[in-house]
C-alpha atoms as a PDB file:
ATOM      1  CA  UNK A   1     -19.272  11.460 -18.169  1.00  0.00           C
ATOM      2  CA  UNK A   2     -16.481   9.391 -17.052  1.00  0.00           C
ATOM      3  CA  UNK A   3     -17.094   5.801 -16.466  1.00  0.00           C
ATOM      4  CA  UNK A   4     -15.766   3.259 -14.275  1.00  0.00           C
ATOM      5  CA  UNK A   5     -15.946  -0.433 -13.036  1.00  0.00           C
ATOM      6  CA  UNK A   6     -16.355  -2.043  -9.476  1.00  0.00           C
ATOM      7  CA  UNK A   7     -16.160  -5.693  -9.518  1.00  0.00           C
ATOM      8  CA  UNK A   8     -16.778  -7.831  -6.666  1.00  0.00           C
ATOM      9  CA  UNK A   9     -15.791 -11.021  -8.303  1.00  0.00           C
ATOM     10  CA  UNK A  10     -19.042 -12.517  -8.029  1.00  0.00           C
ATOM     11  CA  UNK A  11     -19.816 -16.224  -8.380  1.00  0.00           C
ATOM     12  CA  UNK A  12     -22.923 -17.058  -9.509  1.00  0.00           C
ATOM     13  CA  UNK A  13     -25.028 -20.139  -9.609  1.00  0.00           C
ATOM     14  CA  UNK A  14     -23.238 -23.003 -11.827  1.00  0.00           C
ATOM     15  CA  UNK A  15     -20.023 -21.112 -11.587  1.00  0.00           C
ATOM     16  CA  UNK A  16     -16.891 -21.896  -9.770  1.00  0.00           C
ATOM     17  CA  UNK A  17     -14.337 -19.452  -7.893  1.00  0.00           C
ATOM     18  CA  UNK A  18     -11.796 -19.948 -10.585  1.00  0.00           C
ATOM     19  CA  UNK A  19     -14.637 -18.892 -12.962  1.00  0.00           C
ATOM     20  CA  UNK A  20     -15.053 -15.379 -11.329  1.00  0.00           C
ATOM     21  CA  UNK A  21     -11.490 -14.530 -11.068  1.00  0.00           C
ATOM     22  CA  UNK A  22     -10.937 -15.370 -14.668  1.00  0.00           C
ATOM     23  CA  UNK A  23     -14.498 -13.341 -15.655  1.00  0.00           C
ATOM     24  CA  UNK A  24     -12.813 -10.533 -13.810  1.00  0.00           C
ATOM     25  CA  UNK A  25      -9.672 -10.439 -15.940  1.00  0.00           C
ATOM     26  CA  UNK A  26     -11.876 -10.548 -18.996  1.00  0.00           C
ATOM     27  CA  UNK A  27     -14.049  -7.637 -17.748  1.00  0.00           C
ATOM     28  CA  UNK A  28     -10.774  -5.700 -17.150  1.00  0.00           C
ATOM     29  CA  UNK A  29      -9.504  -6.221 -20.637  1.00  0.00           C
ATOM     30  CA  UNK A  30     -12.839  -5.283 -22.221  1.00  0.00           C
ATOM     31  CA  UNK A  31     -13.374  -1.925 -19.848  1.00  0.00           C
ATOM     32  CA  UNK A  32     -10.000  -1.262 -20.836  1.00  0.00           C
ATOM     33  CA  UNK A  33     -10.746  -1.393 -24.566  1.00  0.00           C
ATOM     34  CA  UNK A  34     -14.024   0.264 -24.497  1.00  0.00           C
ATOM     35  CA  UNK A  35     -12.406   3.295 -22.540  1.00  0.00           C
ATOM     36  CA  UNK A  36     -13.470   3.150 -19.116  1.00  0.00           C
ATOM     37  CA  UNK A  37     -11.350   5.319 -16.526  1.00  0.00           C
ATOM     38  CA  UNK A  38     -10.932   2.890 -13.694  1.00  0.00           C
ATOM     39  CA  UNK A  39     -11.719  -0.677 -12.413  1.00  0.00           C
ATOM     40  CA  UNK A  40     -11.667  -1.271  -8.768  1.00  0.00           C
ATOM     41  CA  UNK A  41     -11.733  -4.870  -6.903  1.00  0.00           C
ATOM     42  CA  UNK A  42     -13.774  -4.781  -3.835  1.00  0.00           C
ATOM     43  CA  UNK A  43     -12.750  -6.635  -0.450  1.00  0.00           C
ATOM     44  CA  UNK A  44     -14.754  -9.410   0.731  1.00  0.00           C
ATOM     45  CA  UNK A  45     -14.255 -12.127   3.426  1.00  0.00           C
ATOM     46  CA  UNK A  46     -15.826 -15.226   4.746  1.00  0.00           C
ATOM     47  CA  UNK A  47     -18.395 -15.782   1.828  1.00  0.00           C
ATOM     48  CA  UNK A  48     -18.415 -18.135  -1.205  1.00  0.00           C
ATOM     49  CA  UNK A  49     -20.524 -15.832  -3.351  1.00  0.00           C
ATOM     50  CA  UNK A  50     -17.617 -13.451  -4.050  1.00  0.00           C
ATOM     51  CA  UNK A  51     -13.760 -14.288  -4.593  1.00  0.00           C
ATOM     52  CA  UNK A  52     -12.463 -10.711  -4.115  1.00  0.00           C
ATOM     53  CA  UNK A  53     -10.761 -11.602  -0.772  1.00  0.00           C
ATOM     54  CA  UNK A  54      -7.375 -10.679  -2.095  1.00  0.00           C
ATOM     55  CA  UNK A  55      -7.819  -7.293  -4.092  1.00  0.00           C
ATOM     56  CA  UNK A  56      -4.303  -6.285  -3.901  1.00  0.00           C
ATOM     57  CA  UNK A  57      -3.124  -9.573  -5.441  1.00  0.00           C
ATOM     58  CA  UNK A  58      -5.993  -9.503  -8.112  1.00  0.00           C
ATOM     59  CA  UNK A  59      -5.491  -5.769  -9.219  1.00  0.00           C
ATOM     60  CA  UNK A  60      -1.713  -6.806  -9.663  1.00  0.00           C
ATOM     61  CA  UNK A  61      -2.666  -9.632 -12.271  1.00  0.00           C
ATOM     62  CA  UNK A  62      -5.533  -7.126 -13.882  1.00  0.00           C
ATOM     63  CA  UNK A  63      -2.926  -4.236 -14.224  1.00  0.00           C
ATOM     64  CA  UNK A  64      -0.427  -6.333 -16.230  1.00  0.00           C
ATOM     65  CA  UNK A  65      -3.158  -7.434 -18.565  1.00  0.00           C
ATOM     66  CA  UNK A  66      -4.503  -3.916 -19.454  1.00  0.00           C
ATOM     67  CA  UNK A  67      -2.927  -0.911 -21.028  1.00  0.00           C
ATOM     68  CA  UNK A  68      -4.769   2.383 -19.999  1.00  0.00           C
ATOM     69  CA  UNK A  69      -7.456   1.808 -17.420  1.00  0.00           C
ATOM     70  CA  UNK A  70      -6.483   2.745 -13.798  1.00  0.00           C
ATOM     71  CA  UNK A  71      -6.616  -0.344 -11.588  1.00  0.00           C
ATOM     72  CA  UNK A  72      -7.260  -0.141  -7.855  1.00  0.00           C
ATOM     73  CA  UNK A  73      -9.128  -1.323  -4.820  1.00  0.00           C
ATOM     74  CA  UNK A  74     -12.766  -0.243  -3.865  1.00  0.00           C
ATOM     75  CA  UNK A  75     -11.549  -0.799  -1.311  1.00  0.00           C
ATOM     76  CA  UNK A  76      -8.877  -2.534   0.589  1.00  0.00           C
ATOM     77  CA  UNK A  77     -10.138  -2.890   4.283  1.00  0.00           C
ATOM     78  CA  UNK A  78      -7.625  -1.177   6.336  1.00  0.00           C
ATOM     79  CA  UNK A  79      -8.300  -2.537   9.759  1.00  0.00           C
ATOM     80  CA  UNK A  80      -6.786  -5.966   8.654  1.00  0.00           C
ATOM     81  CA  UNK A  81      -3.461  -4.552   7.752  1.00  0.00           C
ATOM     82  CA  UNK A  82      -0.541  -2.483   9.169  1.00  0.00           C
ATOM     83  CA  UNK A  83       0.095   0.769   7.423  1.00  0.00           C
ATOM     84  CA  UNK A  84       3.756  -0.403   6.662  1.00  0.00           C
ATOM     85  CA  UNK A  85       2.459  -3.519   4.736  1.00  0.00           C
ATOM     86  CA  UNK A  86      -0.517  -1.315   3.044  1.00  0.00           C
ATOM     87  CA  UNK A  87       2.184   1.030   1.855  1.00  0.00           C
ATOM     88  CA  UNK A  88       4.743  -1.395   0.659  1.00  0.00           C
ATOM     89  CA  UNK A  89       1.976  -3.362  -1.373  1.00  0.00           C
ATOM     90  CA  UNK A  90       0.662  -0.161  -3.185  1.00  0.00           C
ATOM     91  CA  UNK A  91       4.311   1.075  -3.672  1.00  0.00           C
ATOM     92  CA  UNK A  92       5.238  -1.936  -5.281  1.00  0.00           C
ATOM     93  CA  UNK A  93       2.049  -2.023  -7.583  1.00  0.00           C
ATOM     94  CA  UNK A  94       2.812   1.607  -8.675  1.00  0.00           C
ATOM     95  CA  UNK A  95       6.253   0.831  -9.410  1.00  0.00           C
ATOM     96  CA  UNK A  96       5.081  -1.614 -11.571  1.00  0.00           C
ATOM     97  CA  UNK A  97       2.405   0.633 -13.255  1.00  0.00           C
ATOM     98  CA  UNK A  98       3.180   3.869 -12.745  1.00  0.00           C
ATOM     99  CA  UNK A  99       0.291   6.399 -12.897  1.00  0.00           C
ATOM    100  CA  UNK A 100      -2.668   3.621 -13.255  1.00  0.00           C
ATOM    101  CA  UNK A 101      -2.509   2.664  -9.339  1.00  0.00           C
ATOM    102  CA  UNK A 102      -5.418   3.428  -7.110  1.00  0.00           C
ATOM    103  CA  UNK A 103      -5.392   3.108  -3.397  1.00  0.00           C
ATOM    104  CA  UNK A 104      -8.855   3.145  -2.302  1.00  0.00           C
ATOM    105  CA  UNK A 105      -9.649   2.124   1.191  1.00  0.00           C
ATOM    106  CA  UNK A 106     -12.548   1.439   3.284  1.00  0.00           C
ATOM    107  CA  UNK A 107     -13.318   1.643   7.267  1.00  0.00           C
ATOM    108  CA  UNK A 108     -15.702  -1.473   7.309  1.00  0.00           C
ATOM    109  CA  UNK A 109     -14.549  -5.132   7.986  1.00  0.00           C
ATOM    110  CA  UNK A 110     -15.591  -6.475   4.568  1.00  0.00           C
ATOM    111  CA  UNK A 111     -16.699  -9.662   6.517  1.00  0.00           C
ATOM    112  CA  UNK A 112     -18.609 -11.147   9.226  1.00  0.00           C
ATOM    113  CA  UNK A 113     -17.375 -11.400  12.949  1.00  0.00           C
ATOM    114  CA  UNK A 114     -15.857 -14.882  12.345  1.00  0.00           C
ATOM    115  CA  UNK A 115     -13.793 -13.537   9.346  1.00  0.00           C
ATOM    116  CA  UNK A 116     -12.879 -10.323  11.643  1.00  0.00           C
ATOM    117  CA  UNK A 117     -11.622 -12.563  14.440  1.00  0.00           C
ATOM    118  CA  UNK A 118      -9.799 -14.776  11.977  1.00  0.00           C
ATOM    119  CA  UNK A 119      -8.019 -11.932  10.225  1.00  0.00           C
ATOM    120  CA  UNK A 120      -7.074 -10.413  13.635  1.00  0.00           C
ATOM    121  CA  UNK A 121      -5.786 -14.128  14.842  1.00  0.00           C
ATOM    122  CA  UNK A 122      -8.084 -14.011  17.746  1.00  0.00           C
ATOM    123  CA  UNK A 123      -6.851 -10.536  18.930  1.00  0.00           C
ATOM    124  CA  UNK A 124      -9.165  -7.615  19.431  1.00  0.00           C
ATOM    125  CA  UNK A 125      -9.292  -5.658  16.160  1.00  0.00           C
ATOM    126  CA  UNK A 126      -8.724  -2.050  16.286  1.00  0.00           C
ATOM    127  CA  UNK A 127     -11.756  -0.356  15.001  1.00  0.00           C
ATOM    128  CA  UNK A 128     -11.535   3.291  15.801  1.00  0.00           C
ATOM    129  CA  UNK A 129      -8.226   4.213  14.412  1.00  0.00           C
ATOM    130  CA  UNK A 130      -9.105   3.964  10.873  1.00  0.00           C
ATOM    131  CA  UNK A 131      -8.413   7.863   9.655  1.00  0.00           C
ATOM    132  CA  UNK A 132      -4.996   7.760  11.895  1.00  0.00           C
ATOM    133  CA  UNK A 133      -4.297   4.585  10.158  1.00  0.00           C
ATOM    134  CA  UNK A 134      -4.920   6.124   6.759  1.00  0.00           C
ATOM    135  CA  UNK A 135      -2.798   9.107   7.464  1.00  0.00           C
ATOM    136  CA  UNK A 136       0.189   6.973   8.611  1.00  0.00           C
ATOM    137  CA  UNK A 137      -0.089   4.830   5.366  1.00  0.00           C
ATOM    138  CA  UNK A 138      -0.117   7.793   3.316  1.00  0.00           C
ATOM    139  CA  UNK A 139       3.183   9.011   4.760  1.00  0.00           C
ATOM    140  CA  UNK A 140       4.795   5.911   4.259  1.00  0.00           C
ATOM    141  CA  UNK A 141       3.374   5.913   0.492  1.00  0.00           C
ATOM    142  CA  UNK A 142       5.000   9.405   0.366  1.00  0.00           C
ATOM    143  CA  UNK A 143       8.251   8.287   1.541  1.00  0.00           C
ATOM    144  CA  UNK A 144       8.003  10.053   4.874  1.00  0.00           C
ATOM    145  CA  UNK A 145       8.859   8.604   8.549  1.00  0.00           C
ATOM    146  CA  UNK A 146       5.732   9.118  10.614  1.00  0.00           C
ATOM    147  CA  UNK A 147       5.994  10.939  14.095  1.00  0.00           C
ATOM    148  CA  UNK A 148       5.604   7.523  15.902  1.00  0.00           C
ATOM    149  CA  UNK A 149       8.262   5.489  17.725  1.00  0.00           C
ATOM    150  CA  UNK A 150       6.987   2.613  15.993  1.00  0.00           C
ATOM    151  CA  UNK A 151       8.186   3.563  12.301  1.00  0.00           C
ATOM    152  CA  UNK A 152      11.932   4.140  11.768  1.00  0.00           C
ATOM    153  CA  UNK A 153      12.226   3.450   8.172  1.00  0.00           C
ATOM    154  CA  UNK A 154      11.123   4.726   4.766  1.00  0.00           C
ATOM    155  CA  UNK A 155       8.649   2.280   3.212  1.00  0.00           C
ATOM    156  CA  UNK A 156      10.123   0.704   0.085  1.00  0.00           C
ATOM    157  CA  UNK A 157      10.195   0.914  -2.793  1.00  0.00           C
ATOM    158  CA  UNK A 158      10.966   4.487  -2.605  1.00  0.00           C
ATOM    159  CA  UNK A 159      10.766   7.387  -4.915  1.00  0.00           C
ATOM    160  CA  UNK A 160       7.949   5.701  -7.111  1.00  0.00           C
ATOM    161  CA  UNK A 161       4.779   7.478  -8.772  1.00  0.00           C
ATOM    162  CA  UNK A 162       2.542   7.916  -6.040  1.00  0.00           C
ATOM    163  CA  UNK A 163      -1.029   6.078  -6.586  1.00  0.00           C
ATOM    164  CA  UNK A 164      -4.208   7.964  -6.417  1.00  0.00           C
ATOM    165  CA  UNK A 165      -5.830   7.776  -2.743  1.00  0.00           C
ATOM    166  CA  UNK A 166      -9.399   7.422  -2.373  1.00  0.00           C
ATOM    167  CA  UNK A 167     -11.718   6.802   0.798  1.00  0.00           C
ATOM    168  CA  UNK A 168     -15.052   5.206   0.217  1.00  0.00           C
ATOM    169  CA  UNK A 169     -18.277   6.091   2.150  1.00  0.00           C
ATOM    170  CA  UNK A 170     -21.793   4.980   2.117  1.00  0.00           C
ATOM    171  CA  UNK A 171     -23.476   7.549   4.646  1.00  0.00           C
ATOM    172  CA  UNK A 172     -21.861  10.744   4.421  1.00  0.00           C
ATOM    173  CA  UNK A 173     -19.643  10.466   7.602  1.00  0.00           C
ATOM    174  CA  UNK A 174     -16.508  10.300   6.167  1.00  0.00           C
ATOM    175  CA  UNK A 175     -16.888  13.245   3.695  1.00  0.00           C
ATOM    176  CA  UNK A 176     -15.329  15.894   5.861  1.00  0.00           C
ATOM    177  CA  UNK A 177     -12.212  13.762   6.915  1.00  0.00           C
ATOM    178  CA  UNK A 178     -11.823  12.542   3.351  1.00  0.00           C
ATOM    179  CA  UNK A 179     -11.713  16.295   2.189  1.00  0.00           C
ATOM    180  CA  UNK A 180      -9.265  17.441   4.992  1.00  0.00           C
ATOM    181  CA  UNK A 181      -6.738  14.524   4.064  1.00  0.00           C
ATOM    182  CA  UNK A 182      -6.771  15.440   0.518  1.00  0.00           C
ATOM    183  CA  UNK A 183      -7.938  12.345  -1.129  1.00  0.00           C
ATOM    184  CA  UNK A 184     -10.697  11.375  -3.339  1.00  0.00           C
ATOM    185  CA  UNK A 185     -14.304  10.392  -2.163  1.00  0.00           C
ATOM    186  CA  UNK A 186     -16.153   7.525  -3.638  1.00  0.00           C
ATOM    187  CA  UNK A 187     -19.971   7.140  -2.453  1.00  0.00           C
ATOM    188  CA  UNK A 188     -21.436   3.758  -2.485  1.00  0.00           C
ATOM    189  CA  UNK A 189     -24.776   4.677  -3.608  1.00  0.00           C
ATOM    190  CA  UNK A 190     -25.872   1.096  -4.134  1.00  0.00           C
ATOM    191  CA  UNK A 191     -25.506   0.526  -0.157  1.00  0.00           C
ATOM    192  CA  UNK A 192     -28.204   2.355   1.095  1.00  0.00           C
ATOM    193  CA  UNK A 193     -29.237   5.053  -1.689  1.00  0.00           C
ATOM    194  CA  UNK A 194     -28.493   7.843   0.617  1.00  0.00           C
ATOM    195  CA  UNK A 195     -26.459  10.185  -1.561  1.00  0.00           C
ATOM    196  CA  UNK A 196     -27.235  13.872  -1.130  1.00  0.00           C
ATOM    197  CA  UNK A 197     -25.939  17.218  -2.435  1.00  0.00           C
ATOM    198  CA  UNK A 198     -25.061  18.193   0.907  1.00  0.00           C
ATOM    199  CA  UNK A 199     -22.714  15.351   1.495  1.00  0.00           C
ATOM    200  CA  UNK A 200     -20.820  15.766  -1.668  1.00  0.00           C
ATOM    201  CA  UNK A 201     -20.845  19.512  -1.205  1.00  0.00           C
ATOM    202  CA  UNK A 202     -19.306  19.062   2.385  1.00  0.00           C
ATOM    203  CA  UNK A 203     -16.458  17.112   0.475  1.00  0.00           C
ATOM    204  CA  UNK A 204     -15.911  19.437  -2.145  1.00  0.00           C
ATOM    205  CA  UNK A 205     -16.014  22.658   0.156  1.00  0.00           C
ATOM    206  CA  UNK A 206     -13.650  21.392   2.619  1.00  0.00           C
ATOM    207  CA  UNK A 207     -11.116  19.737   0.459  1.00  0.00           C
ATOM    208  CA  UNK A 208      -7.485  20.613   1.031  1.00  0.00           C
ATOM    209  CA  UNK A 209      -4.861  19.606  -1.841  1.00  0.00           C
ATOM    210  CA  UNK A 210      -2.396  16.983  -1.185  1.00  0.00           C
ATOM    211  CA  UNK A 211       0.374  15.515  -2.984  1.00  0.00           C
ATOM    212  CA  UNK A 212      -2.077  12.524  -3.714  1.00  0.00           C
ATOM    213  CA  UNK A 213      -4.472  14.856  -5.323  1.00  0.00           C
ATOM    214  CA  UNK A 214      -4.574  18.416  -6.376  1.00  0.00           C
ATOM    215  CA  UNK A 215      -8.498  19.007  -6.637  1.00  0.00           C
ATOM    216  CA  UNK A 216     -11.437  17.061  -5.208  1.00  0.00           C
ATOM    217  CA  UNK A 217     -12.782  14.038  -6.850  1.00  0.00           C
ATOM    218  CA  UNK A 218     -15.914  12.112  -6.492  1.00  0.00           C
ATOM    219  CA  UNK A 219     -17.217   8.890  -8.038  1.00  0.00           C
ATOM    220  CA  UNK A 220     -20.320   7.443  -7.153  1.00  0.00           C
ATOM    221  CA  UNK A 221     -20.770   3.536  -7.410  1.00  0.00           C
ATOM    222  CA  UNK A 222     -24.210   2.127  -8.555  1.00  0.00           C
ATOM    223  CA  UNK A 223     -25.453  -1.249  -9.135  1.00  0.00           C
ATOM    224  CA  UNK A 224     -26.742  -1.486 -12.764  1.00  0.00           C
ATOM    225  CA  UNK A 225     -28.477  -3.952 -14.865  1.00  0.00           C
ATOM    226  CA  UNK A 226     -29.336  -2.807 -18.494  1.00  0.00           C
ATOM    227  CA  UNK A 227     -29.964  -4.153 -21.913  1.00  0.00           C
ATOM    228  CA  UNK A 228     -31.513  -3.110 -25.337  1.00  0.00           C
ATOM    229  CA  UNK A 229     -35.009  -3.341 -23.778  1.00  0.00           C
ATOM    230  CA  UNK A 230     -36.283  -2.395 -20.111  1.00  0.00           C
ATOM    231  CA  UNK A 231     -38.139  -5.665 -20.223  1.00  0.00           C
ATOM    232  CA  UNK A 232     -34.916  -7.795 -20.962  1.00  0.00           C
ATOM    233  CA  UNK A 233     -33.203  -5.578 -18.173  1.00  0.00           C
ATOM    234  CA  UNK A 234     -35.951  -6.318 -15.553  1.00  0.00           C
ATOM    235  CA  UNK A 235     -35.347 -10.055 -16.554  1.00  0.00           C
ATOM    236  CA  UNK A 236     -31.719  -9.912 -15.783  1.00  0.00           C
ATOM    237  CA  UNK A 237     -32.277  -7.894 -12.654  1.00  0.00           C
ATOM    238  CA  UNK A 238     -34.494  -9.775 -10.863  1.00  0.00           C
ATOM    239  CA  UNK A 239     -31.805 -12.277  -9.409  1.00  0.00           C
ATOM    240  CA  UNK A 240     -29.620  -9.360  -8.105  1.00  0.00           C
ATOM    241  CA  UNK A 241     -33.049  -8.177  -6.498  1.00  0.00           C
ATOM    242  CA  UNK A 242     -33.632 -11.314  -4.700  1.00  0.00           C
ATOM    243  CA  UNK A 243     -30.120 -11.719  -3.517  1.00  0.00           C
ATOM    244  CA  UNK A 244     -30.404  -8.240  -1.750  1.00  0.00           C
ATOM    245  CA  UNK A 245     -33.819  -9.550  -0.477  1.00  0.00           C
ATOM    246  CA  UNK A 246     -32.086 -12.616   0.927  1.00  0.00           C
ATOM    247  CA  UNK A 247     -29.267 -10.422   2.363  1.00  0.00           C
ATOM    248  CA  UNK A 248     -31.924  -8.197   4.132  1.00  0.00           C
ATOM    249  CA  UNK A 249     -33.246 -11.567   5.830  1.00  0.00           C
ATOM    250  CA  UNK A 250     -29.752 -12.696   6.840  1.00  0.00           C
ATOM    251  CA  UNK A 251     -29.466 -15.401   4.308  1.00  0.00           C
ATOM    252  CA  UNK A 252     -26.539 -15.378   1.747  1.00  0.00           C
ATOM    253  CA  UNK A 253     -26.514 -17.655  -1.552  1.00  0.00           C
ATOM    254  CA  UNK A 254     -25.255 -17.681  -4.978  1.00  0.00           C
ATOM    255  CA  UNK A 255     -27.423 -15.522  -7.400  1.00  0.00           C
ATOM    256  CA  UNK A 256     -30.195 -17.303  -9.224  1.00  0.00           C
ATOM    257  CA  UNK A 257     -30.105 -18.039 -12.797  1.00  0.00           C
ATOM    258  CA  UNK A 258     -32.982 -15.162 -14.405  1.00  0.00           C
ATOM    259  CA  UNK A 259     -35.176 -18.335 -15.167  1.00  0.00           C
ATOM    260  CA  UNK A 260     -35.063 -19.523 -11.642  1.00  0.00           C
ATOM    261  CA  UNK A 261     -35.690 -15.878 -10.309  1.00  0.00           C
ATOM    262  CA  UNK A 262     -38.866 -15.746 -12.567  1.00  0.00           C
ATOM    263  CA  UNK A 263     -40.087 -19.006 -10.709  1.00  0.00           C
ATOM    264  CA  UNK A 264     -38.965 -17.990  -7.214  1.00  0.00           C
ATOM    265  CA  UNK A 265     -41.971 -17.227  -4.963  1.00  0.00           C
ATOM    266  CA  UNK A 266     -42.195 -13.488  -4.039  1.00  0.00           C
ATOM    267  CA  UNK A 267     -44.718 -11.668  -1.544  1.00  0.00           C
ATOM    268  CA  UNK A 268     -46.287  -8.563  -2.391  1.00  0.00           C
ATOM    269  CA  UNK A 269     -44.051  -7.126   0.223  1.00  0.00           C
ATOM    270  CA  UNK A 270     -40.956  -8.581  -1.339  1.00  0.00           C
ATOM    271  CA  UNK A 271     -42.052  -7.028  -4.805  1.00  0.00           C
ATOM    272  CA  UNK A 272     -42.453  -3.723  -3.398  1.00  0.00           C
ATOM    273  CA  UNK A 273     -39.276  -3.614  -1.522  1.00  0.00           C
ATOM    274  CA  UNK A 274     -37.583  -4.425  -4.978  1.00  0.00           C
ATOM    275  CA  UNK A 275     -39.197  -1.463  -6.381  1.00  0.00           C
ATOM    276  CA  UNK A 276     -38.489   0.925  -3.481  1.00  0.00           C
ATOM    277  CA  UNK A 277     -34.916  -0.106  -3.743  1.00  0.00           C
ATOM    278  CA  UNK A 278     -34.596   0.901  -7.564  1.00  0.00           C
ATOM    279  CA  UNK A 279     -32.719   3.815  -6.054  1.00  0.00           C
ATOM    280  CA  UNK A 280     -30.048   1.350  -5.183  1.00  0.00           C
ATOM    281  CA  UNK A 281     -30.311  -0.843  -8.345  1.00  0.00           C
ATOM    282  CA  UNK A 282     -30.677   1.163 -11.582  1.00  0.00           C
ATOM    283  CA  UNK A 283     -32.591  -1.164 -13.964  1.00  0.00           C
ATOM    284  CA  UNK A 284     -33.536  -0.155 -17.575  1.00  0.00           C
ATOM    285  CA  UNK A 285     -32.701   0.059 -21.354  1.00  0.00           C
ATOM    286  CA  UNK A 286     -29.167   1.604 -21.818  1.00  0.00           C
ATOM    287  CA  UNK A 287     -30.880   4.979 -22.882  1.00  0.00           C
ATOM    288  CA  UNK A 288     -32.834   5.056 -19.630  1.00  0.00           C
ATOM    289  CA  UNK A 289     -30.060   4.374 -17.155  1.00  0.00           C
ATOM    290  CA  UNK A 290     -27.662   6.443 -19.114  1.00  0.00           C
ATOM    291  CA  UNK A 291     -30.176   9.374 -18.856  1.00  0.00           C
ATOM    292  CA  UNK A 292     -30.781   8.703 -15.199  1.00  0.00           C
ATOM    293  CA  UNK A 293     -26.846   8.818 -14.567  1.00  0.00           C
ATOM    294  CA  UNK A 294     -26.508  12.357 -16.474  1.00  0.00           C
ATOM    295  CA  UNK A 295     -29.441  13.655 -14.510  1.00  0.00           C
ATOM    296  CA  UNK A 296     -27.737  12.354 -11.269  1.00  0.00           C
ATOM    297  CA  UNK A 297     -24.528  13.881 -12.125  1.00  0.00           C
ATOM    298  CA  UNK A 298     -25.798  17.262 -12.865  1.00  0.00           C
ATOM    299  CA  UNK A 299     -28.178  17.286  -9.678  1.00  0.00           C
ATOM    300  CA  UNK A 300     -25.738  16.087  -7.342  1.00  0.00           C
ATOM    301  CA  UNK A 301     -22.285  17.148  -9.150  1.00  0.00           C
ATOM    302  CA  UNK A 302     -19.972  14.158  -9.055  1.00  0.00           C
ATOM    303  CA  UNK A 303     -17.186  13.566 -11.516  1.00  0.00           C
ATOM    304  CA  UNK A 304     -17.573   9.783 -12.522  1.00  0.00           C
ATOM    305  CA  UNK A 305     -20.087   6.856 -12.079  1.00  0.00           C
ATOM    306  CA  UNK A 306     -18.662   3.596 -11.071  1.00  0.00           C
ATOM    307  CA  UNK A 307     -20.661   0.433 -12.385  1.00  0.00           C
ATOM    308  CA  UNK A 308     -21.240  -2.491 -10.752  1.00  0.00           C
ATOM    309  CA  UNK A 309     -23.322  -5.128 -12.623  1.00  0.00           C
ATOM    310  CA  UNK A 310     -24.104  -8.774 -11.783  1.00  0.00           C
ATOM    311  CA  UNK A 311     -26.190 -10.287 -14.499  1.00  0.00           C
ATOM    312  CA  UNK A 312     -25.781 -14.044 -14.189  1.00  0.00           C
ATOM    313  CA  UNK A 313     -24.056 -14.873 -17.623  1.00  0.00           C
ATOM    314  CA  UNK A 314     -20.801 -13.240 -18.320  1.00  0.00           C
ATOM    315  CA  UNK A 315     -22.174 -12.479 -21.813  1.00  0.00           C
ATOM    316  CA  UNK A 316     -25.007 -10.317 -20.182  1.00  0.00           C
ATOM    317  CA  UNK A 317     -22.399  -8.737 -17.760  1.00  0.00           C
ATOM    318  CA  UNK A 318     -20.270  -7.630 -20.320  1.00  0.00           C
ATOM    319  CA  UNK A 319     -23.200  -6.125 -22.697  1.00  0.00           C
ATOM    320  CA  UNK A 320     -23.820  -3.888 -19.619  1.00  0.00           C
ATOM    321  CA  UNK A 321     -20.628  -2.267 -20.040  1.00  0.00           C
ATOM    322  CA  UNK A 322     -20.769  -2.175 -23.659  1.00  0.00           C
ATOM    323  CA  UNK A 323     -24.029  -0.503 -23.661  1.00  0.00           C
ATOM    324  CA  UNK A 324     -23.336   2.224 -21.129  1.00  0.00           C
ATOM    325  CA  UNK A 325     -19.876   2.776 -23.208  1.00  0.00           C
ATOM    326  CA  UNK A 326     -21.964   3.207 -26.440  1.00  0.00           C
ATOM    327  CA  UNK A 327     -24.298   5.679 -24.539  1.00  0.00           C
ATOM    328  CA  UNK A 328     -21.929   7.695 -22.444  1.00  0.00           C
ATOM    329  CA  UNK A 329     -18.139   7.408 -23.582  1.00  0.00           C
END
């Protein structure tokens, strides 16, 4: 199984934004050494709990610090940027790191209403043209001039190695469109746990080859906490479980330490919710989680598992990726 990394540059309690970015660099270097296939940076706005607000900048740094791993965005939030700017940015990245850059995009805002309003400079954001915007961007990346009076030039730099292009999804609504555009499909299982064979088969059966991708490719993003034992994994996972409970209740805060999480008052309903959401957050020993990933790959037919892991300490986070590499790479 191919293993990849999704990093959100989380700021856990007791740490700073600068710490989070330095730890993102450390994770990228380790992932490269361990043989992970790709690493993507997410995009979040208007929050102090994640500092992945400029993934296109961060991945430039990470690509320069690594040698073999693919580096990209998972994903850049298209609604905030023009197709020309997106093409220019990713063509530049690919010129510096040919054959290693992924242009992964999402149709969501990556932030709340205030962030959307600020990013659009107070104008009404365009929310219903994401597929058209993506198609235009792909043409610009491929040195084409779109059939639109707005575009009268080839995006530069030109004649570069094309990045891989990917569309993110979490409900299956984008599977058909993604297939028809001839790009990779990344399913965010950790969003709502609604992956199905039907969704992935729809993408595979309707895939049309393109200059960006010859064959269909699917990766599935999981939230994972693992350790040498299931008990230790549960201990490290509880802060993230509580963060999800907070999010469901409209509260956002820095991830607790494992000790503080153990002391946090949870209702019986809270504990039932945590157990129900184990399809969103895989928790267990390295062997247990690896077996589950292999079983789900066989069941659903995806190509690679993309691992997002947010233990409180960097030491424990890096250990997750080491343990999974030991079992699966």
